[in-house]
Amino acid sequence: MGDAPNPTSSEMRYDWLADRWVIMAPNRTRRPDDFRRLPPPAVDPSQCPFCAGREAETPPEIAVYPAPQGKGGWQVRVVPNKFPAVQANSDTWPVTGNSAPTWIPRDIDLYQRRELTGGHEVIIESPQHFTSLSQLEQGAVATVFHAFRDRLYHWLEQQRIAYAVVFKNSGLDAGASLAHVHSQLIATDTVPADVLRIDQRMQLFLQTESECVLCRMAASEIEQGVRLVEQTARLVAFCPFASRLPGSITVLPLEHSSGFELADDATIEELALLMYRLIRQLELCYPDAAYNFVIHTAHTGTRNSPAFHWRIEMFPRLTKVAGFEWGSECYINPVLPETAAERLRQAGHIIAEQDDRAHHTSNR
């Protein structure tokens, strides 16, 4: 077990992977408005374009997952985003790598521009007007994660696009424009600079230590235990040592794998169940808080890499990014990761007891 930190003193922690420092300032939780959250506004389901029966209000579906046999209809739909951040242009495909220049020209152009192509999709996660994955049945959550894998596979393996990411914005503070439970995928013909920088850090660790940095991190977090939230046969969830945002969780496969889109069915179903539990734990710890999660998988240049390890990052939106963060690029986290992990573990125990009582009641 790792040493417990002082819960009241401030300190700086180094995020090796991102090559940045984070300020841990637990005293700031005493500010009166620090964690004030408003409940989400009421939404009229009859006006929701993602609900069953209103399919004509979205662009035509590009993938559909039917409901279980006997129920009829669909369980998950994938449609193009009606207001895409990235436009499709089939004339530029296939794209096999990062098209950004790797050299510095003699005369630097401060106003460079280039066309960006790829795709922007919405994964509608339920025909019912639910607002959280925690409201779905566990089997339905597994179907959602199968859809994530399939759409990433489509873009990265079949279209050979350079980069693709699945992300969820849940709640207004997380950037969601519709309450109905959904996620998004963006695929681009170039790899973002910050993604390339993380790749370089992973490669540096492999060259220096002869080991994947996230494989090392997973083993270390399990050994120390203080930031561990949950561990399953194939996966581990923990609060990162130098979390920029309070309550952040990282999920990793225990066996090294660079591509989420190549995960087998057993891993996807185990991951779906773990994420279902983690979302419920977040919602118990931080009621009404918005949250995001992001699935980081290998881009074209790191596919099958011994250095790159796929991961999911999930974080509730509990604090605002303010002037110091914008000015310094150094974040202040008012909740120690060890404290956040302990709260999440306690929430997991409460939820397990609730589920156990509900199961016994239903079997009487």
Protein backbone atom coordinates (compact mmCIF):
# COMPACT_ATOMS: atom_id res chain seq x y z
CA MET A 1 0.00 0.00 0.00
CA GLY A 2 1.21 3.53 -0.75
CA ASP A 3 1.69 6.18 1.90
CA ALA A 4 -1.42 8.26 2.61
CA PRO A 5 -0.88 11.95 1.77
CA ASN A 6 -1.47 14.84 4.15
CA PRO A 7 -5.13 15.76 3.48
CA THR A 8 -4.65 19.47 4.22
CA SER A 9 -1.27 20.51 2.78
CA SER A 10 -0.73 21.69 -0.81
CA GLU A 11 1.78 19.99 -3.06
CA MET A 12 2.73 19.70 -6.72
CA ARG A 13 2.57 16.37 -8.54
CA TYR A 14 4.17 15.50 -11.87
CA ASP A 15 2.15 13.75 -14.58
CA TRP A 16 4.94 11.89 -16.36
CA LEU A 17 2.82 10.82 -19.32
CA ALA A 18 1.57 14.34 -20.14
CA ASP A 19 4.82 16.01 -18.98
CA ARG A 20 3.08 18.57 -16.78
CA TRP A 21 2.72 19.54 -13.13
CA VAL A 22 -0.57 19.69 -11.21
CA ILE A 23 -1.20 21.53 -7.93
CA MET A 24 -3.02 19.49 -5.30
CA ALA A 25 -4.80 21.93 -2.95
CA PRO A 26 -7.30 20.07 -0.72
CA ASN A 27 -7.85 23.22 1.41
CA ARG A 28 -9.76 24.75 -1.49
CA THR A 29 -12.68 22.38 -0.92
CA ARG A 30 -13.59 24.62 2.03
CA ARG A 31 -14.58 27.46 -0.31
CA PRO A 32 -18.38 27.98 0.00
CA ASP A 33 -19.26 27.68 -3.70
CA ASP A 34 -16.61 25.22 -4.84
CA PHE A 35 -18.92 22.27 -5.44
CA ARG A 36 -22.28 23.95 -5.88
CA ARG A 37 -24.11 22.14 -8.69
CA LEU A 38 -27.50 22.83 -10.17
CA PRO A 39 -29.80 19.99 -11.27
CA PRO A 40 -30.16 19.61 -15.04
CA PRO A 41 -33.10 21.47 -16.61
CA ALA A 42 -36.24 19.49 -17.38
CA VAL A 43 -36.53 18.37 -21.02
CA ASP A 44 -39.75 17.46 -22.82
CA PRO A 45 -39.15 13.96 -24.29
CA SER A 46 -41.77 14.64 -26.98
CA GLN A 47 -39.34 17.15 -28.50
CA CYS A 48 -36.28 14.86 -28.38
CA PRO A 49 -35.01 13.80 -31.84
CA PHE A 50 -33.17 10.78 -30.39
CA CYS A 51 -36.25 9.02 -28.99
CA ALA A 52 -37.87 6.02 -30.70
CA GLY A 53 -40.51 7.11 -33.20
CA ARG A 54 -38.64 10.31 -34.14
CA GLU A 55 -35.97 8.70 -36.30
CA ALA A 56 -36.88 10.93 -39.27
CA GLU A 57 -35.55 13.93 -37.33
CA THR A 58 -31.96 12.67 -37.49
CA PRO A 59 -29.85 12.02 -40.60
CA PRO A 60 -30.28 8.46 -41.97
CA GLU A 61 -28.64 5.86 -39.73
CA ILE A 62 -25.31 4.38 -40.77
CA ALA A 63 -25.42 1.52 -38.24
CA VAL A 64 -28.17 0.03 -36.12
CA TYR A 65 -28.16 -2.56 -33.33
CA PRO A 66 -31.54 -4.26 -32.90
CA ALA A 67 -33.22 -4.68 -29.53
CA PRO A 68 -33.09 -8.15 -27.96
CA GLN A 69 -35.27 -10.76 -29.60
CA GLY A 70 -38.92 -10.33 -28.73
CA LYS A 71 -38.69 -6.63 -27.92
CA GLY A 72 -38.60 -5.27 -31.47
CA GLY A 73 -37.16 -2.00 -32.67
CA TRP A 74 -33.60 -0.81 -32.15
CA GLN A 75 -31.35 -0.63 -29.12
CA VAL A 76 -28.51 1.55 -30.46
CA ARG A 77 -28.45 3.78 -33.56
CA VAL A 78 -25.44 5.49 -35.13
CA VAL A 79 -26.14 8.55 -37.27
CA PRO A 80 -24.01 11.30 -38.83
CA ASN A 81 -23.83 14.40 -36.65
CA LYS A 82 -26.30 16.98 -37.98
CA PHE A 83 -23.81 19.75 -37.19
CA PRO A 84 -20.44 18.06 -37.83
CA ALA A 85 -17.13 19.41 -36.58
CA VAL A 86 -15.42 17.44 -39.36
CA GLN A 87 -16.82 17.18 -42.87
CA ALA A 88 -16.68 13.97 -44.91
CA ASN A 89 -14.84 14.09 -48.23
CA SER A 90 -14.42 10.66 -49.79
CA ASP A 91 -12.03 12.04 -52.43
CA THR A 92 -9.30 12.29 -49.79
CA TRP A 93 -9.57 8.72 -48.48
CA PRO A 94 -7.81 6.49 -47.67
CA VAL A 95 -5.49 8.41 -45.37
CA THR A 96 -2.62 6.45 -43.87
CA GLY A 97 -0.98 8.82 -41.43
CA ASN A 98 -0.47 12.27 -40.01
CA SER A 99 -0.37 14.85 -42.79
CA ALA A 100 1.04 17.67 -40.62
CA PRO A 101 4.59 18.69 -41.62
CA THR A 102 7.40 17.25 -39.50
CA TRP A 103 9.92 19.90 -40.63
CA ILE A 104 10.19 23.63 -39.97
CA PRO A 105 10.23 25.75 -43.15
CA ARG A 106 12.83 28.48 -43.57
CA ASP A 107 10.14 31.16 -43.73
CA ILE A 108 7.60 30.44 -41.00
CA ASP A 109 3.99 31.06 -42.02
CA LEU A 110 1.93 32.22 -39.04
CA TYR A 111 -1.33 31.76 -40.94
CA GLN A 112 -1.22 28.20 -42.26
CA ARG A 113 -4.42 26.42 -43.16
CA ARG A 114 -5.41 23.07 -44.64
CA GLU A 115 -8.60 21.18 -45.39
CA LEU A 116 -9.70 18.77 -42.66
CA THR A 117 -11.68 15.68 -43.59
CA GLY A 118 -13.01 12.63 -41.79
CA GLY A 119 -16.30 12.01 -40.04
CA HIS A 120 -18.45 12.98 -37.06
CA GLU A 121 -21.02 10.50 -35.73
CA VAL A 122 -23.54 10.32 -32.91
CA ILE A 123 -24.09 7.02 -31.09
CA ILE A 124 -27.65 7.12 -29.71
CA GLU A 125 -27.49 4.72 -26.79
CA SER A 126 -31.16 3.99 -26.10
CA PRO A 127 -34.54 4.38 -27.82
CA GLN A 128 -35.97 5.50 -24.45
CA HIS A 129 -35.48 8.99 -23.10
CA PHE A 130 -32.82 8.10 -20.54
CA THR A 131 -30.21 10.66 -19.54
CA SER A 132 -27.52 8.34 -18.15
CA LEU A 133 -25.98 5.00 -19.03
CA SER A 134 -26.70 4.01 -15.43
CA GLN A 135 -30.43 3.88 -16.31
CA LEU A 136 -29.90 1.21 -18.97
CA GLU A 137 -29.93 -2.52 -18.35
CA GLN A 138 -26.45 -4.01 -18.19
CA GLY A 139 -26.92 -5.89 -21.48
CA ALA A 140 -27.87 -2.64 -23.21
CA VAL A 141 -24.69 -0.97 -21.91
CA ALA A 142 -22.67 -3.82 -23.43
CA THR A 143 -24.31 -3.16 -26.80
CA VAL A 144 -23.27 0.50 -26.54
CA PHE A 145 -19.63 -0.48 -26.02
CA HIS A 146 -19.81 -2.95 -28.91
CA ALA A 147 -20.97 -0.02 -31.04
CA PHE A 148 -18.01 2.07 -29.85
CA ARG A 149 -15.62 -0.71 -30.86
CA ASP A 150 -17.31 -1.30 -34.22
CA ARG A 151 -17.33 2.36 -35.26
CA LEU A 152 -13.68 2.84 -34.28
CA TYR A 153 -12.85 -0.30 -36.27
CA HIS A 154 -14.73 1.10 -39.27
CA TRP A 155 -12.73 4.32 -39.32
CA LEU A 156 -9.30 3.05 -38.28
CA GLU A 157 -9.15 -0.38 -39.90
CA GLN A 158 -11.53 -0.13 -42.86
CA GLN A 159 -11.29 3.54 -43.85
CA ARG A 160 -7.65 3.76 -42.68
CA ILE A 161 -8.29 7.24 -41.33
CA ALA A 162 -5.40 8.72 -39.32
CA TYR A 163 -7.12 9.30 -35.96
CA ALA A 164 -10.46 8.58 -34.30
CA VAL A 165 -11.83 9.13 -30.81
CA VAL A 166 -15.07 8.23 -29.01
CA PHE A 167 -16.21 10.60 -26.29
CA LYS A 168 -19.21 11.22 -24.07
CA ASN A 169 -20.44 14.62 -22.88
CA SER A 170 -23.03 14.02 -20.18
CA GLY A 171 -24.71 17.16 -18.85
CA LEU A 172 -24.59 20.85 -19.74
CA ASP A 173 -21.31 21.52 -17.94
CA ALA A 174 -19.71 18.67 -19.93
CA GLY A 175 -20.76 20.15 -23.27
CA ALA A 176 -23.87 18.09 -24.04
CA SER A 177 -26.46 19.81 -26.23
CA LEU A 178 -29.13 17.10 -25.79
CA ALA A 179 -30.06 15.28 -22.57
CA HIS A 180 -30.89 11.94 -24.27
CA VAL A 181 -28.11 9.46 -23.54
CA HIS A 182 -25.59 9.49 -26.40
CA SER A 183 -21.91 9.64 -27.29
CA GLN A 184 -19.95 10.88 -30.29
CA LEU A 185 -17.11 9.81 -32.56
CA ILE A 186 -14.83 12.15 -34.49
CA ALA A 187 -12.40 10.83 -37.12
CA THR A 188 -9.80 13.05 -38.79
CA ASP A 189 -7.14 12.76 -41.47
CA THR A 190 -4.50 14.23 -39.15
CA VAL A 191 -3.37 13.43 -35.61
CA PRO A 192 -3.73 16.24 -33.03
CA ALA A 193 -0.46 17.64 -31.69
CA ASP A 194 -1.24 16.77 -28.04
CA VAL A 195 -1.93 13.15 -29.04
CA LEU A 196 1.44 13.00 -30.83
CA ARG A 197 3.14 14.45 -27.75
CA ILE A 198 1.68 11.72 -25.51
CA ASP A 199 2.82 9.12 -28.06
CA GLN A 200 6.34 10.50 -27.87
CA ARG A 201 6.29 10.22 -24.08
CA MET A 202 5.11 6.60 -24.29
CA GLN A 203 7.86 5.82 -26.79
CA LEU A 204 10.47 7.52 -24.60
CA PHE A 205 9.44 5.42 -21.58
CA LEU A 206 9.65 2.22 -23.63
CA GLN A 207 13.11 3.11 -24.92
CA THR A 208 14.34 4.06 -21.44
CA GLU A 209 12.65 1.41 -19.30
CA SER A 210 12.02 -1.40 -21.84
CA GLU A 211 8.40 -1.46 -20.69
CA CYS A 212 5.07 0.18 -21.55
CA VAL A 213 4.43 3.12 -19.20
CA LEU A 214 0.76 2.22 -18.71
CA CYS A 215 1.57 -1.44 -18.04
CA ARG A 216 3.95 -0.19 -15.35
CA MET A 217 1.35 2.24 -14.04
CA ALA A 218 -1.38 -0.42 -13.83
CA ALA A 219 0.87 -2.78 -11.85
CA SER A 220 2.01 0.03 -9.54
CA GLU A 221 -1.52 1.28 -8.81
CA ILE A 222 -2.65 -2.25 -7.98
CA GLU A 223 0.37 -2.74 -5.68
CA GLN A 224 -0.07 0.60 -3.88
CA GLY A 225 -3.85 0.32 -3.63
CA VAL A 226 -4.52 3.85 -2.34
CA ARG A 227 -5.79 5.19 -5.69
CA LEU A 228 -7.36 1.93 -6.85
CA VAL A 229 -11.12 2.08 -7.49
CA GLU A 230 -11.84 -1.34 -9.00
CA GLN A 231 -10.04 -4.28 -10.56
CA THR A 232 -11.54 -7.04 -12.69
CA ALA A 233 -9.99 -10.03 -14.44
CA ARG A 234 -9.00 -7.95 -17.48
CA LEU A 235 -9.19 -4.31 -16.37
CA VAL A 236 -8.17 -1.85 -13.68
CA ALA A 237 -9.71 1.52 -12.72
CA PHE A 238 -7.86 4.07 -10.58
CA CYS A 239 -7.65 7.79 -9.85
CA PRO A 240 -4.42 9.03 -11.48
CA PHE A 241 -1.62 10.26 -9.19
CA ALA A 242 -1.50 13.72 -10.85
CA SER A 243 -5.16 14.16 -11.87
CA ARG A 244 -5.84 17.62 -13.27
CA LEU A 245 -9.55 17.42 -12.39
CA PRO A 246 -11.11 16.13 -9.14
CA GLY A 247 -12.61 12.65 -9.25
CA SER A 248 -10.83 11.66 -12.49
CA ILE A 249 -10.67 7.93 -13.26
CA THR A 250 -8.44 6.05 -15.71
CA VAL A 251 -9.41 2.58 -16.96
CA LEU A 252 -6.76 0.31 -18.51
CA PRO A 253 -6.69 -3.23 -19.85
CA LEU A 254 -4.26 -5.28 -17.76
CA GLU A 255 -2.90 -7.05 -20.83
CA HIS A 256 -1.04 -4.71 -23.17
CA SER A 257 -3.14 -3.70 -26.17
CA SER A 258 -2.83 -0.65 -28.42
CA GLY A 259 -6.22 -0.80 -30.13
CA PHE A 260 -9.58 -0.59 -28.35
CA GLU A 261 -11.21 -1.43 -31.70
CA LEU A 262 -9.44 -4.83 -31.64
CA ALA A 263 -10.72 -5.87 -28.20
CA ASP A 264 -12.54 -9.21 -28.04
CA ASP A 265 -16.17 -9.59 -26.99
CA ALA A 266 -15.30 -10.78 -23.48
CA THR A 267 -13.18 -7.68 -22.82
CA ILE A 268 -15.85 -5.34 -24.22
CA GLU A 269 -18.57 -6.89 -22.06
CA GLU A 270 -16.39 -6.79 -18.94
CA LEU A 271 -15.51 -3.15 -19.70
CA ALA A 272 -19.18 -2.23 -20.19
CA LEU A 273 -20.07 -3.69 -16.78
CA LEU A 274 -17.13 -1.89 -15.14
CA MET A 275 -18.04 1.46 -16.74
CA TYR A 276 -21.68 0.95 -15.71
CA ARG A 277 -20.54 0.57 -12.10
CA LEU A 278 -18.10 3.48 -12.26
CA ILE A 279 -20.75 5.84 -13.62
CA ARG A 280 -23.11 4.81 -10.81
CA GLN A 281 -20.33 5.44 -8.28
CA LEU A 282 -19.64 8.89 -9.73
CA GLU A 283 -23.34 9.73 -9.62
CA LEU A 284 -23.59 8.62 -5.99
CA CYS A 285 -20.51 10.62 -4.95
CA TYR A 286 -21.38 13.73 -6.98
CA PRO A 287 -25.17 13.94 -7.59
CA ASP A 288 -26.21 16.04 -10.62
CA ALA A 289 -22.58 16.51 -11.71
CA ALA A 290 -21.90 16.47 -15.43
CA TYR A 291 -19.09 14.21 -16.63
CA ASN A 292 -17.07 13.26 -19.69
CA PHE A 293 -15.27 10.15 -20.77
CA VAL A 294 -12.88 9.62 -23.69
CA ILE A 295 -11.66 6.40 -25.30
CA HIS A 296 -8.02 6.81 -26.38
CA THR A 297 -7.00 4.22 -28.98
CA ALA A 298 -4.00 3.96 -31.27
CA HIS A 299 -3.87 6.15 -34.36
CA THR A 300 -2.34 5.03 -37.65
CA GLY A 301 1.23 5.64 -36.51
CA THR A 302 0.98 3.65 -33.26
CA ARG A 303 -1.19 0.70 -34.29
CA ASN A 304 0.15 -2.53 -32.73
CA SER A 305 2.80 -0.49 -30.92
CA PRO A 306 4.52 -1.96 -27.83
CA ALA A 307 4.59 1.60 -26.45
CA PHE A 308 0.95 2.65 -26.90
CA HIS A 309 -1.71 1.25 -24.53
CA TRP A 310 -5.41 2.09 -25.01
CA ARG A 311 -7.21 3.69 -22.11
CA ILE A 312 -10.39 5.44 -21.01
CA GLU A 313 -10.34 8.71 -19.08
CA MET A 314 -13.48 9.73 -17.18
CA PHE A 315 -13.93 12.87 -15.09
CA PRO A 316 -16.86 14.63 -13.40
CA ARG A 317 -17.11 18.37 -13.99
CA LEU A 318 -16.89 19.62 -10.41
CA THR A 319 -14.76 22.74 -10.75
CA LYS A 320 -14.31 25.52 -13.29
CA VAL A 321 -11.09 26.23 -15.15
CA ALA A 322 -10.18 29.74 -13.98
CA GLY A 323 -7.58 32.44 -14.62
CA PHE A 324 -4.57 30.70 -13.06
CA GLU A 325 -5.13 27.55 -15.14
CA TRP A 326 -5.59 29.48 -18.38
CA GLY A 327 -2.58 31.65 -17.69
CA SER A 328 -0.16 28.99 -16.48
CA GLU A 329 -1.40 25.72 -18.05
CA CYS A 330 -1.02 24.35 -14.50
CA TYR A 331 -4.27 23.03 -12.99
CA ILE A 332 -5.33 23.19 -9.34
CA ASN A 333 -7.07 20.03 -8.12
CA PRO A 334 -8.89 20.51 -4.76
CA VAL A 335 -9.49 16.76 -4.20
CA LEU A 336 -6.55 14.43 -3.68
CA PRO A 337 -6.77 11.35 -5.96
CA GLU A 338 -6.38 9.13 -2.90
CA THR A 339 -9.42 10.80 -1.32
CA ALA A 340 -11.43 10.53 -4.54
CA ALA A 341 -10.60 6.84 -4.88
CA GLU A 342 -11.65 6.14 -1.30
CA ARG A 343 -15.00 7.87 -1.86
CA LEU A 344 -15.57 5.92 -5.07
CA ARG A 345 -14.73 2.62 -3.36
CA GLN A 346 -17.18 3.44 -0.55
CA ALA A 347 -19.84 4.28 -3.14
CA GLY A 348 -19.15 0.94 -4.82
CA HIS A 349 -19.77 -0.90 -1.55
CA ILE A 350 -23.05 0.98 -1.01
CA ILE A 351 -24.24 0.21 -4.57
CA ALA A 352 -23.28 -3.47 -4.22
CA GLU A 353 -25.32 -3.71 -1.00
CA GLN A 354 -28.29 -1.97 -2.66
CA ASP A 355 -28.12 -4.34 -5.64
CA ASP A 356 -27.86 -7.35 -3.35
CA ARG A 357 -30.96 -6.28 -1.38
CA ALA A 358 -32.87 -5.61 -4.61
CA HIS A 359 -31.89 -9.05 -5.94
CA HIS A 360 -33.05 -10.82 -2.78
CA THR A 361 -36.31 -8.86 -2.76
CA SER A 362 -37.08 -9.76 -6.39
CA ASN A 363 -36.43 -13.47 -5.72
CA ARG A 364 -38.85 -13.75 -2.79
